[in-house]
Amino acid sequence: MGTRSLSGITVQARLQATVQNELADGSVASIAHPSINFSKTLTSGVGDSEANRALQLSGTLAEHGDQITFDMRTMTGVDAGAGSGLDGVGQAVLFENIVAVMVVNNNDVGDAGHLEVMPAASKGWTPIGSHLYSTGGSLPGGGCLMKFAPDEGGFDVVGGSSYRLTLRAYGGEVEWSLYVLARHDDETSSSSSSSSVSSSLSSSSSSSISTSSASSSISTSSISTSSISTSSPSSESSSSSSSSSSSGTSSQSSSSSSSSSSSSHSSSSVSV
């Protein structure tokens, strides 16, 4: 058995600008508005201001209308680099509540593709809310959405009723990233003796990841530290995502690798 834990957990958001007004006499009045450096440090665990699970994913929705749906409880069908449904160190994903979640449109500012974020049509994860192009809430290139709940309850993930999250492209191709800090009340988990580096993605049951088009894809890179930041509203995201497309079912190559551990330890940070 291995014990999973997190270290170096931080959640940050910073907004800073100076408003200036030049007066008739040439003097300048100024004030620092907005000026906030929101920063919270968490420890590993399952209580208030704690987290003990983390995941990071990225991929591409190749054209308008393509979408991908995640099981926010088990991430069935999702490969973060160590196998389907496993986190970055090869341990089974099981999120009981979400502490922080960030969704990013990695397109350049001005690109046509917007990213819509919403609960899935069936058994949708409602805490994320609906952020649609039609209502002006979609994420344009370089945009991000983050929610944070440090209290013990977090944003609840309810298996069977409220656990499915959908990302959808509007207007063109979208490169996306998803970052999660979460909790599970059983901190002890068995170490995987063998896990595949990547596995096939398929549209299957409502408990698994699904894509609406064969051209949708997920990139699978091993992650030990996740962070993104935007220092001002004009900053552009430059994150790059791997993408693949085919005329058939969207899938990723399967290759096997062995991993074994008695203790898993990750460093996590989410920032805007």
C-alpha atoms as a PDB file:
ATOM      1  CA  MET A   1       0.000   0.000   0.000  1.00  0.00           C
ATOM      2  CA  GLY A   2       1.117   3.554  -0.710  1.00  0.00           C
ATOM      3  CA  THR A   3      -0.018   6.821   0.815  1.00  0.00           C
ATOM      4  CA  ARG A   4      -0.801   9.612  -1.593  1.00  0.00           C
ATOM      5  CA  SER A   5      -0.252  13.192  -0.505  1.00  0.00           C
ATOM      6  CA  LEU A   6       0.297  16.640  -1.980  1.00  0.00           C
ATOM      7  CA  SER A   7       2.907  19.253  -1.105  1.00  0.00           C
ATOM      8  CA  GLY A   8       3.470  22.877  -2.037  1.00  0.00           C
ATOM      9  CA  ILE A   9      -0.252  23.479  -2.618  1.00  0.00           C
ATOM     10  CA  THR A  10      -1.032  27.092  -3.516  1.00  0.00           C
ATOM     11  CA  VAL A  11      -3.960  28.860  -5.143  1.00  0.00           C
ATOM     12  CA  GLN A  12      -3.265  32.378  -6.399  1.00  0.00           C
ATOM     13  CA  ALA A  13      -4.978  35.157  -8.336  1.00  0.00           C
ATOM     14  CA  ARG A  14      -3.544  38.636  -8.876  1.00  0.00           C
ATOM     15  CA  LEU A  15      -5.137  41.723 -10.389  1.00  0.00           C
ATOM     16  CA  GLN A  16      -3.114  44.926 -10.421  1.00  0.00           C
ATOM     17  CA  ALA A  17      -3.291  48.259 -12.246  1.00  0.00           C
ATOM     18  CA  THR A  18      -2.799  51.968 -11.583  1.00  0.00           C
ATOM     19  CA  VAL A  19      -5.466  54.481 -12.601  1.00  0.00           C
ATOM     20  CA  GLN A  20      -3.938  57.845 -13.553  1.00  0.00           C
ATOM     21  CA  ASN A  21      -5.522  61.238 -14.270  1.00  0.00           C
ATOM     22  CA  GLU A  22      -3.423  64.172 -15.476  1.00  0.00           C
ATOM     23  CA  LEU A  23      -4.792  67.436 -14.097  1.00  0.00           C
ATOM     24  CA  ALA A  24      -4.840  70.836 -15.795  1.00  0.00           C
ATOM     25  CA  ASP A  25      -1.792  71.976 -13.820  1.00  0.00           C
ATOM     26  CA  GLY A  26       0.215  69.017 -15.073  1.00  0.00           C
ATOM     27  CA  SER A  27       0.098  67.041 -11.858  1.00  0.00           C
ATOM     28  CA  VAL A  28      -1.093  63.465 -11.934  1.00  0.00           C
ATOM     29  CA  ALA A  29      -3.551  61.879  -9.553  1.00  0.00           C
ATOM     30  CA  SER A  30      -3.267  58.122  -9.313  1.00  0.00           C
ATOM     31  CA  ILE A  31      -4.547  55.177  -7.347  1.00  0.00           C
ATOM     32  CA  ALA A  32      -3.790  51.465  -7.389  1.00  0.00           C
ATOM     33  CA  HIS A  33      -7.088  49.942  -8.524  1.00  0.00           C
ATOM     34  CA  PRO A  34      -7.563  47.021  -8.694  1.00  0.00           C
ATOM     35  CA  SER A  35      -4.891  45.785  -6.355  1.00  0.00           C
ATOM     36  CA  ILE A  36      -5.341  42.272  -5.063  1.00  0.00           C
ATOM     37  CA  ASN A  37      -2.923  39.418  -4.618  1.00  0.00           C
ATOM     38  CA  PHE A  38      -5.196  36.575  -3.558  1.00  0.00           C
ATOM     39  CA  SER A  39      -3.063  33.710  -2.287  1.00  0.00           C
ATOM     40  CA  LYS A  40      -4.021  30.667  -0.237  1.00  0.00           C
ATOM     41  CA  THR A  41      -1.703  27.938   0.972  1.00  0.00           C
ATOM     42  CA  LEU A  42      -3.162  24.498   1.591  1.00  0.00           C
ATOM     43  CA  THR A  43      -1.804  21.383   3.242  1.00  0.00           C
ATOM     44  CA  SER A  44      -2.302  17.732   2.369  1.00  0.00           C
ATOM     45  CA  GLY A  45      -5.441  16.223   3.847  1.00  0.00           C
ATOM     46  CA  VAL A  46      -9.233  16.117   3.672  1.00  0.00           C
ATOM     47  CA  GLY A  47     -10.311  18.974   5.950  1.00  0.00           C
ATOM     48  CA  ASP A  48     -10.623  22.743   5.651  1.00  0.00           C
ATOM     49  CA  SER A  49      -7.791  24.311   3.585  1.00  0.00           C
ATOM     50  CA  GLU A  50      -6.543  20.859   2.581  1.00  0.00           C
ATOM     51  CA  ALA A  51      -6.400  18.734  -0.574  1.00  0.00           C
ATOM     52  CA  ASN A  52      -4.988  15.297  -1.344  1.00  0.00           C
ATOM     53  CA  ARG A  53      -5.730  14.670  -5.020  1.00  0.00           C
ATOM     54  CA  ALA A  54      -4.631  16.495  -8.196  1.00  0.00           C
ATOM     55  CA  LEU A  55      -4.865  16.117 -11.960  1.00  0.00           C
ATOM     56  CA  GLN A  56      -3.903  18.031 -15.086  1.00  0.00           C
ATOM     57  CA  LEU A  57      -5.082  17.386 -18.654  1.00  0.00           C
ATOM     58  CA  SER A  58      -4.905  19.108 -22.025  1.00  0.00           C
ATOM     59  CA  GLY A  59      -6.143  18.473 -25.529  1.00  0.00           C
ATOM     60  CA  THR A  60      -7.679  19.866 -28.699  1.00  0.00           C
ATOM     61  CA  LEU A  61     -11.207  20.249 -29.982  1.00  0.00           C
ATOM     62  CA  ALA A  62     -10.561  20.407 -33.705  1.00  0.00           C
ATOM     63  CA  GLU A  63     -13.587  22.326 -34.958  1.00  0.00           C
ATOM     64  CA  HIS A  64     -16.788  24.166 -34.050  1.00  0.00           C
ATOM     65  CA  GLY A  65     -19.186  21.920 -32.153  1.00  0.00           C
ATOM     66  CA  ASP A  66     -16.636  19.345 -31.031  1.00  0.00           C
ATOM     67  CA  GLN A  67     -16.947  18.547 -27.342  1.00  0.00           C
ATOM     68  CA  ILE A  68     -15.472  16.358 -24.655  1.00  0.00           C
ATOM     69  CA  THR A  69     -17.130  15.212 -21.419  1.00  0.00           C
ATOM     70  CA  PHE A  70     -15.313  14.211 -18.235  1.00  0.00           C
ATOM     71  CA  ASP A  71     -16.382  12.059 -15.301  1.00  0.00           C
ATOM     72  CA  MET A  72     -15.215  14.388 -12.530  1.00  0.00           C
ATOM     73  CA  ARG A  73     -15.415  11.584  -9.966  1.00  0.00           C
ATOM     74  CA  THR A  74     -13.309   8.832 -11.553  1.00  0.00           C
ATOM     75  CA  MET A  75     -11.959  10.342 -14.819  1.00  0.00           C
ATOM     76  CA  THR A  76     -12.782   7.043 -16.502  1.00  0.00           C
ATOM     77  CA  GLY A  77     -11.249   6.918 -19.964  1.00  0.00           C
ATOM     78  CA  VAL A  78      -8.877   9.819 -19.251  1.00  0.00           C
ATOM     79  CA  ASP A  79      -5.123   9.272 -19.445  1.00  0.00           C
ATOM     80  CA  ALA A  80      -2.879  11.840 -17.730  1.00  0.00           C
ATOM     81  CA  GLY A  81       0.185   9.840 -18.696  1.00  0.00           C
ATOM     82  CA  ALA A  82       0.077   6.784 -16.437  1.00  0.00           C
ATOM     83  CA  GLY A  83      -3.014   4.977 -17.690  1.00  0.00           C
ATOM     84  CA  SER A  84      -6.763   5.337 -18.061  1.00  0.00           C
ATOM     85  CA  GLY A  85      -8.449   6.654 -14.926  1.00  0.00           C
ATOM     86  CA  LEU A  86      -5.123   7.118 -13.153  1.00  0.00           C
ATOM     87  CA  ASP A  87      -3.438  10.291 -11.935  1.00  0.00           C
ATOM     88  CA  GLY A  88       0.050  11.404 -12.954  1.00  0.00           C
ATOM     89  CA  VAL A  89       1.751   8.963 -10.563  1.00  0.00           C
ATOM     90  CA  GLY A  90      -0.322   5.944 -11.583  1.00  0.00           C
ATOM     91  CA  GLN A  91      -2.910   5.939  -8.792  1.00  0.00           C
ATOM     92  CA  ALA A  92      -6.668   5.570  -9.289  1.00  0.00           C
ATOM     93  CA  VAL A  93      -8.595   8.831  -9.513  1.00  0.00           C
ATOM     94  CA  LEU A  94     -11.542   9.172  -7.164  1.00  0.00           C
ATOM     95  CA  PHE A  95     -12.621  12.737  -6.376  1.00  0.00           C
ATOM     96  CA  GLU A  96     -15.293  13.184  -3.694  1.00  0.00           C
ATOM     97  CA  ASN A  97     -15.191  16.959  -3.833  1.00  0.00           C
ATOM     98  CA  ILE A  98     -13.287  19.568  -5.822  1.00  0.00           C
ATOM     99  CA  VAL A  99     -11.174  22.156  -4.010  1.00  0.00           C
ATOM    100  CA  ALA A 100     -10.083  24.129  -7.083  1.00  0.00           C
ATOM    101  CA  VAL A 101     -10.745  23.766 -10.785  1.00  0.00           C
ATOM    102  CA  MET A 102      -9.345  25.798 -13.662  1.00  0.00           C
ATOM    103  CA  VAL A 103     -10.246  25.605 -17.342  1.00  0.00           C
ATOM    104  CA  VAL A 104      -8.091  27.434 -19.900  1.00  0.00           C
ATOM    105  CA  ASN A 105      -8.504  28.257 -23.583  1.00  0.00           C
ATOM    106  CA  ASN A 106      -4.884  28.030 -24.744  1.00  0.00           C
ATOM    107  CA  ASN A 107      -5.599  29.630 -28.127  1.00  0.00           C
ATOM    108  CA  ASP A 108      -3.952  32.923 -28.977  1.00  0.00           C
ATOM    109  CA  VAL A 109      -5.898  36.088 -28.190  1.00  0.00           C
ATOM    110  CA  GLY A 110      -8.096  36.881 -31.181  1.00  0.00           C
ATOM    111  CA  ASP A 111      -8.391  33.312 -32.467  1.00  0.00           C
ATOM    112  CA  ALA A 112     -11.850  32.316 -33.644  1.00  0.00           C
ATOM    113  CA  GLY A 113     -12.311  29.371 -31.295  1.00  0.00           C
ATOM    114  CA  HIS A 114     -14.122  30.022 -28.019  1.00  0.00           C
ATOM    115  CA  LEU A 115     -14.339  27.414 -25.258  1.00  0.00           C
ATOM    116  CA  GLU A 116     -17.716  26.739 -23.688  1.00  0.00           C
ATOM    117  CA  VAL A 117     -17.729  25.199 -20.192  1.00  0.00           C
ATOM    118  CA  MET A 118     -20.865  23.596 -18.806  1.00  0.00           C
ATOM    119  CA  PRO A 119     -22.448  20.724 -16.889  1.00  0.00           C
ATOM    120  CA  ALA A 120     -23.063  17.803 -19.244  1.00  0.00           C
ATOM    121  CA  ALA A 121     -26.588  17.442 -20.611  1.00  0.00           C
ATOM    122  CA  SER A 122     -27.002  14.247 -18.555  1.00  0.00           C
ATOM    123  CA  LYS A 123     -25.890  14.037 -14.907  1.00  0.00           C
ATOM    124  CA  GLY A 124     -24.012  17.300 -15.265  1.00  0.00           C
ATOM    125  CA  TRP A 125     -21.590  18.579 -12.615  1.00  0.00           C
ATOM    126  CA  THR A 126     -23.583  21.679 -11.673  1.00  0.00           C
ATOM    127  CA  PRO A 127     -21.040  23.551  -9.491  1.00  0.00           C
ATOM    128  CA  ILE A 128     -19.108  24.620 -12.606  1.00  0.00           C
ATOM    129  CA  GLY A 129     -22.051  26.634 -13.954  1.00  0.00           C
ATOM    130  CA  SER A 130     -22.824  27.280 -17.650  1.00  0.00           C
ATOM    131  CA  HIS A 131     -20.463  29.499 -19.623  1.00  0.00           C
ATOM    132  CA  LEU A 132     -21.795  29.662 -23.165  1.00  0.00           C
ATOM    133  CA  TYR A 133     -21.053  31.757 -26.240  1.00  0.00           C
ATOM    134  CA  SER A 134     -24.757  32.535 -26.601  1.00  0.00           C
ATOM    135  CA  THR A 135     -24.826  34.211 -23.183  1.00  0.00           C
ATOM    136  CA  GLY A 136     -21.416  35.884 -23.493  1.00  0.00           C
ATOM    137  CA  GLY A 137     -19.776  33.577 -20.979  1.00  0.00           C
ATOM    138  CA  SER A 138     -17.514  31.411 -23.157  1.00  0.00           C
ATOM    139  CA  LEU A 139     -13.735  31.653 -22.857  1.00  0.00           C
ATOM    140  CA  PRO A 140     -11.995  33.355 -25.798  1.00  0.00           C
ATOM    141  CA  GLY A 141      -8.377  32.629 -26.677  1.00  0.00           C
ATOM    142  CA  GLY A 142      -6.171  33.275 -23.655  1.00  0.00           C
ATOM    143  CA  GLY A 143      -9.162  33.144 -21.299  1.00  0.00           C
ATOM    144  CA  CYS A 144      -9.565  31.088 -18.151  1.00  0.00           C
ATOM    145  CA  LEU A 145     -12.168  30.154 -15.582  1.00  0.00           C
ATOM    146  CA  MET A 146     -11.283  29.220 -12.002  1.00  0.00           C
ATOM    147  CA  LYS A 147     -13.376  28.250  -8.994  1.00  0.00           C
ATOM    148  CA  PHE A 148     -12.007  27.656  -5.491  1.00  0.00           C
ATOM    149  CA  ALA A 149     -13.676  26.318  -2.344  1.00  0.00           C
ATOM    150  CA  PRO A 150     -11.189  25.693   0.521  1.00  0.00           C
ATOM    151  CA  ASP A 151     -13.761  24.533   3.085  1.00  0.00           C
ATOM    152  CA  GLU A 152     -14.093  20.838   3.858  1.00  0.00           C
ATOM    153  CA  GLY A 153     -17.183  20.399   1.673  1.00  0.00           C
ATOM    154  CA  GLY A 154     -15.593  21.919  -1.443  1.00  0.00           C
ATOM    155  CA  PHE A 155     -17.618  21.573  -4.646  1.00  0.00           C
ATOM    156  CA  ASP A 156     -19.342  18.229  -4.225  1.00  0.00           C
ATOM    157  CA  VAL A 157     -19.039  15.509  -6.875  1.00  0.00           C
ATOM    158  CA  VAL A 158     -22.017  13.168  -6.653  1.00  0.00           C
ATOM    159  CA  GLY A 159     -21.623   9.868  -8.493  1.00  0.00           C
ATOM    160  CA  GLY A 160     -24.732   8.954 -10.469  1.00  0.00           C
ATOM    161  CA  SER A 161     -26.300  12.411 -10.426  1.00  0.00           C
ATOM    162  CA  SER A 162     -23.872  15.374 -10.600  1.00  0.00           C
ATOM    163  CA  TYR A 163     -20.443  14.478 -11.895  1.00  0.00           C
ATOM    164  CA  ARG A 164     -20.084  15.107 -15.667  1.00  0.00           C
ATOM    165  CA  LEU A 165     -18.345  18.208 -17.082  1.00  0.00           C
ATOM    166  CA  THR A 166     -18.408  19.199 -20.778  1.00  0.00           C
ATOM    167  CA  LEU A 167     -16.016  21.417 -22.752  1.00  0.00           C
ATOM    168  CA  ARG A 168     -17.186  22.474 -26.225  1.00  0.00           C
ATOM    169  CA  ALA A 169     -15.592  24.437 -29.051  1.00  0.00           C
ATOM    170  CA  TYR A 170     -17.479  27.351 -30.562  1.00  0.00           C
ATOM    171  CA  GLY A 171     -16.407  29.088 -33.752  1.00  0.00           C
ATOM    172  CA  GLY A 172     -13.290  27.039 -34.466  1.00  0.00           C
ATOM    173  CA  GLU A 173     -10.487  24.880 -33.066  1.00  0.00           C
ATOM    174  CA  VAL A 174      -9.738  25.153 -29.365  1.00  0.00           C
ATOM    175  CA  GLU A 175      -6.708  23.977 -27.418  1.00  0.00           C
ATOM    176  CA  TRP A 176      -7.795  23.471 -23.827  1.00  0.00           C
ATOM    177  CA  SER A 177      -6.373  22.602 -20.419  1.00  0.00           C
ATOM    178  CA  LEU A 178      -8.089  21.372 -17.250  1.00  0.00           C
ATOM    179  CA  TYR A 179      -6.485  21.621 -13.784  1.00  0.00           C
ATOM    180  CA  VAL A 180      -7.972  20.065 -10.634  1.00  0.00           C
ATOM    181  CA  LEU A 181      -7.222  20.011  -6.902  1.00  0.00           C
ATOM    182  CA  ALA A 182      -9.535  17.647  -5.040  1.00  0.00           C
ATOM    183  CA  ARG A 183     -10.113  15.435  -1.997  1.00  0.00           C
ATOM    184  CA  HIS A 184     -10.852  11.844  -1.194  1.00  0.00           C
ATOM    185  CA  ASP A 185     -11.398  10.951   2.458  1.00  0.00           C
ATOM    186  CA  ASP A 186      -9.324   7.764   2.228  1.00  0.00           C
ATOM    187  CA  GLU A 187      -5.725   9.001   1.994  1.00  0.00           C
ATOM    188  CA  THR A 188      -4.289   5.497   1.689  1.00  0.00           C
ATOM    189  CA  SER A 189      -4.291   3.989  -1.777  1.00  0.00           C
ATOM    190  CA  SER A 190      -2.619   1.000  -3.330  1.00  0.00           C
ATOM    191  CA  SER A 191       0.340   1.588  -5.596  1.00  0.00           C
ATOM    192  CA  SER A 192      -0.071   0.474  -9.182  1.00  0.00           C
ATOM    193  CA  SER A 193       2.305  -2.316 -10.088  1.00  0.00           C
ATOM    194  CA  SER A 194       1.732  -1.792 -13.771  1.00  0.00           C
ATOM    195  CA  SER A 195       0.051   0.918 -15.778  1.00  0.00           C
ATOM    196  CA  SER A 196      -0.057   1.903 -19.402  1.00  0.00           C
ATOM    197  CA  VAL A 197       1.471   5.180 -20.481  1.00  0.00           C
ATOM    198  CA  SER A 198      -1.547   5.864 -22.654  1.00  0.00           C
ATOM    199  CA  SER A 199      -4.820   4.215 -23.440  1.00  0.00           C
ATOM    200  CA  SER A 200      -7.533   4.357 -26.025  1.00  0.00           C
ATOM    201  CA  LEU A 201     -10.263   6.958 -25.590  1.00  0.00           C
ATOM    202  CA  SER A 202     -13.747   6.000 -26.642  1.00  0.00           C
ATOM    203  CA  SER A 203     -17.292   7.314 -26.552  1.00  0.00           C
ATOM    204  CA  SER A 204     -18.996   4.871 -24.242  1.00  0.00           C
ATOM    205  CA  SER A 205     -21.184   4.991 -21.137  1.00  0.00           C
ATOM    206  CA  SER A 206     -22.061   8.161 -19.238  1.00  0.00           C
ATOM    207  CA  SER A 207     -19.408   7.307 -16.652  1.00  0.00           C
ATOM    208  CA  SER A 208     -16.603   7.617 -19.155  1.00  0.00           C
ATOM    209  CA  ILE A 209     -15.016  10.423 -21.122  1.00  0.00           C
ATOM    210  CA  SER A 210     -16.806  11.048 -24.388  1.00  0.00           C
ATOM    211  CA  THR A 211     -16.113  13.122 -27.459  1.00  0.00           C
ATOM    212  CA  SER A 212     -18.596  14.258 -30.065  1.00  0.00           C
ATOM    213  CA  SER A 213     -16.156  14.063 -32.959  1.00  0.00           C
ATOM    214  CA  ALA A 214     -13.362  11.808 -34.110  1.00  0.00           C
ATOM    215  CA  SER A 215     -11.197  14.901 -34.428  1.00  0.00           C
ATOM    216  CA  SER A 216     -11.180  15.631 -30.694  1.00  0.00           C
ATOM    217  CA  SER A 217      -8.070  14.561 -28.808  1.00  0.00           C
ATOM    218  CA  ILE A 218      -6.287  14.591 -25.472  1.00  0.00           C
ATOM    219  CA  SER A 219      -2.566  14.968 -24.978  1.00  0.00           C
ATOM    220  CA  THR A 220      -0.924  12.776 -22.372  1.00  0.00           C
ATOM    221  CA  SER A 221       2.140  14.081 -20.658  1.00  0.00           C
ATOM    222  CA  SER A 222       3.355  13.124 -17.207  1.00  0.00           C
ATOM    223  CA  ILE A 223       2.942  15.964 -14.713  1.00  0.00           C
ATOM    224  CA  SER A 224       4.425  16.538 -11.279  1.00  0.00           C
ATOM    225  CA  THR A 225       3.766  20.280 -10.955  1.00  0.00           C
ATOM    226  CA  SER A 226       0.911  22.196 -12.574  1.00  0.00           C
ATOM    227  CA  SER A 227       0.720  25.956 -12.811  1.00  0.00           C
ATOM    228  CA  ILE A 228      -0.506  28.647 -15.153  1.00  0.00           C
ATOM    229  CA  SER A 229      -0.589  32.358 -14.717  1.00  0.00           C
ATOM    230  CA  THR A 230      -1.849  35.470 -16.430  1.00  0.00           C
ATOM    231  CA  SER A 231      -0.498  38.701 -15.029  1.00  0.00           C
ATOM    232  CA  SER A 232      -2.872  41.059 -16.797  1.00  0.00           C
ATOM    233  CA  PRO A 233      -6.009  41.013 -18.943  1.00  0.00           C
ATOM    234  CA  SER A 234      -3.871  41.517 -22.066  1.00  0.00           C
ATOM    235  CA  SER A 235      -1.617  38.551 -21.427  1.00  0.00           C
ATOM    236  CA  GLU A 236      -1.861  35.713 -23.884  1.00  0.00           C
ATOM    237  CA  SER A 237      -1.711  32.050 -22.972  1.00  0.00           C
ATOM    238  CA  SER A 238       1.100  30.283 -24.712  1.00  0.00           C
ATOM    239  CA  SER A 239       0.425  26.794 -23.456  1.00  0.00           C
ATOM    240  CA  SER A 240       0.651  24.216 -26.171  1.00  0.00           C
ATOM    241  CA  SER A 241      -1.363  21.033 -26.396  1.00  0.00           C
ATOM    242  CA  SER A 242      -0.864  17.882 -28.362  1.00  0.00           C
ATOM    243  CA  SER A 243      -3.624  17.020 -30.763  1.00  0.00           C
ATOM    244  CA  SER A 244      -4.485  14.189 -33.033  1.00  0.00           C
ATOM    245  CA  SER A 245      -7.301  13.498 -35.430  1.00  0.00           C
ATOM    246  CA  SER A 246      -8.522  10.606 -37.518  1.00  0.00           C
ATOM    247  CA  SER A 247     -11.505   9.685 -39.628  1.00  0.00           C
ATOM    248  CA  GLY A 248     -12.546   7.005 -37.174  1.00  0.00           C
ATOM    249  CA  THR A 249     -12.919   6.817 -33.401  1.00  0.00           C
ATOM    250  CA  SER A 250     -10.767   9.301 -31.497  1.00  0.00           C
ATOM    251  CA  SER A 251      -8.041   7.414 -29.685  1.00  0.00           C
ATOM    252  CA  GLN A 252      -4.562   7.591 -28.319  1.00  0.00           C
ATOM    253  CA  SER A 253      -1.809   5.066 -28.821  1.00  0.00           C
ATOM    254  CA  SER A 254      -1.504   2.442 -26.177  1.00  0.00           C
ATOM    255  CA  SER A 255       1.911   1.642 -24.855  1.00  0.00           C
ATOM    256  CA  SER A 256       2.788  -0.201 -21.709  1.00  0.00           C
ATOM    257  CA  SER A 257       5.183   0.705 -18.992  1.00  0.00           C
ATOM    258  CA  SER A 258       5.685  -0.610 -15.506  1.00  0.00           C
ATOM    259  CA  SER A 259       5.510   1.595 -12.486  1.00  0.00           C
ATOM    260  CA  SER A 260       5.646   0.646  -8.883  1.00  0.00           C
ATOM    261  CA  SER A 261       5.818   2.773  -5.758  1.00  0.00           C
ATOM    262  CA  SER A 262       5.168   2.613  -2.067  1.00  0.00           C
ATOM    263  CA  SER A 263       4.703   6.347  -1.650  1.00  0.00           C
ATOM    264  CA  SER A 264       3.314   8.953  -4.084  1.00  0.00           C
ATOM    265  CA  HIS A 265       4.113  12.627  -3.550  1.00  0.00           C
ATOM    266  CA  SER A 266       3.120  15.540  -5.794  1.00  0.00           C
ATOM    267  CA  SER A 267       3.624  19.293  -5.806  1.00  0.00           C
ATOM    268  CA  SER A 268       0.645  21.315  -6.985  1.00  0.00           C
ATOM    269  CA  SER A 269      -0.232  24.908  -7.655  1.00  0.00           C
ATOM    270  CA  VAL A 270      -3.095  26.692  -9.369  1.00  0.00           C
ATOM    271  CA  SER A 271      -2.721  30.360 -10.205  1.00  0.00           C
ATOM    272  CA  VAL A 272      -4.242  33.070 -12.296  1.00  0.00           C
END
